[in-house]
Amino acid sequence: MATHFQRALSCARAFADAHGTLVNATTDTVQDKLKLGQWLANQRSKDRAYQHRHGTPSSRALALSAVDP
């Protein structure tokens, strides 16, 4: 069974495939019943905190950048 992150990443891939990028996903964007825009904003925030503590991007940020650099 897929984790929430894996399901959300799949939604992000579908959105990026349809729109060519994740950049235009706003906090109101919904993809496959997931509040994708809010989820992306949360992931970016979590990664900034992770990078501040560890000096490198998180594995989740790397997975998202593989979808849309």
Protein backbone atom coordinates (compact mmCIF):
# COMPACT_ATOMS: atom_id res chain seq x y z
CA MET A 1 0.00 0.00 0.00
CA ALA A 2 1.29 3.43 -0.94
CA THR A 3 2.15 5.97 1.74
CA HIS A 4 0.50 9.38 1.76
CA PHE A 5 3.71 10.88 0.38
CA GLN A 6 3.81 8.37 -2.49
CA ARG A 7 0.16 9.05 -3.33
CA ALA A 8 0.72 12.80 -3.21
CA LEU A 9 3.88 12.49 -5.32
CA SER A 10 1.86 10.57 -7.90
CA CYS A 11 -0.68 13.42 -7.93
CA ALA A 12 2.16 15.89 -8.36
CA ARG A 13 3.46 13.89 -11.33
CA ALA A 14 0.00 13.85 -12.93
CA PHE A 15 -0.35 17.61 -12.44
CA ALA A 16 3.13 18.29 -13.84
CA ASP A 17 2.45 16.04 -16.83
CA ALA A 18 -0.80 17.89 -17.55
CA HIS A 19 0.52 21.42 -16.95
CA GLY A 20 4.24 21.09 -17.70
CA THR A 21 5.26 22.31 -14.23
CA LEU A 22 4.36 22.37 -10.55
CA VAL A 23 5.09 26.08 -10.27
CA ASN A 24 1.56 27.17 -11.14
CA ALA A 25 -0.05 24.96 -8.46
CA THR A 26 -1.58 27.38 -5.96
CA THR A 27 -2.70 26.50 -2.45
CA ASP A 28 -6.20 26.02 -3.92
CA THR A 29 -5.08 23.44 -6.51
CA VAL A 30 -6.70 20.02 -6.17
CA GLN A 31 -5.49 16.98 -8.10
CA ASP A 32 -7.25 13.62 -7.80
CA LYS A 33 -9.08 14.76 -4.63
CA LEU A 34 -5.78 15.79 -2.97
CA LYS A 35 -5.20 19.40 -1.96
CA LEU A 36 -2.01 19.34 -4.02
CA GLY A 37 -1.16 23.03 -3.78
CA GLN A 38 -1.37 23.04 0.01
CA TRP A 39 0.61 19.79 0.17
CA LEU A 40 3.35 21.26 -2.04
CA ALA A 41 3.52 24.39 0.12
CA ASN A 42 3.86 22.21 3.22
CA GLN A 43 6.61 20.13 1.61
CA ARG A 44 8.56 23.26 0.64
CA SER A 45 8.26 24.59 4.18
CA LYS A 46 9.39 21.30 5.70
CA ASP A 47 12.33 21.14 3.31
CA ARG A 48 13.47 24.68 4.14
CA ALA A 49 13.55 23.69 7.82
CA TYR A 50 15.36 20.44 6.99
CA GLN A 51 17.96 22.28 4.88
CA HIS A 52 18.48 24.82 7.63
CA ARG A 53 19.24 22.01 10.10
CA HIS A 54 21.17 19.64 7.83
CA GLY A 55 22.53 21.77 5.00
CA THR A 56 21.18 19.46 2.29
CA PRO A 57 17.80 18.89 0.65
CA SER A 58 15.57 16.20 2.13
CA SER A 59 14.85 12.99 0.23
CA ARG A 60 11.29 14.23 -0.23
CA ALA A 61 12.55 17.44 -1.84
CA LEU A 62 14.77 15.40 -4.14
CA ALA A 63 11.79 13.25 -5.13
CA LEU A 64 9.77 16.39 -5.93
CA SER A 65 12.62 17.92 -7.92
CA ALA A 66 12.71 14.72 -10.00
CA VAL A 67 9.09 15.51 -10.95
CA ASP A 68 9.78 19.20 -11.69
CA PRO A 69 13.29 20.59 -11.24
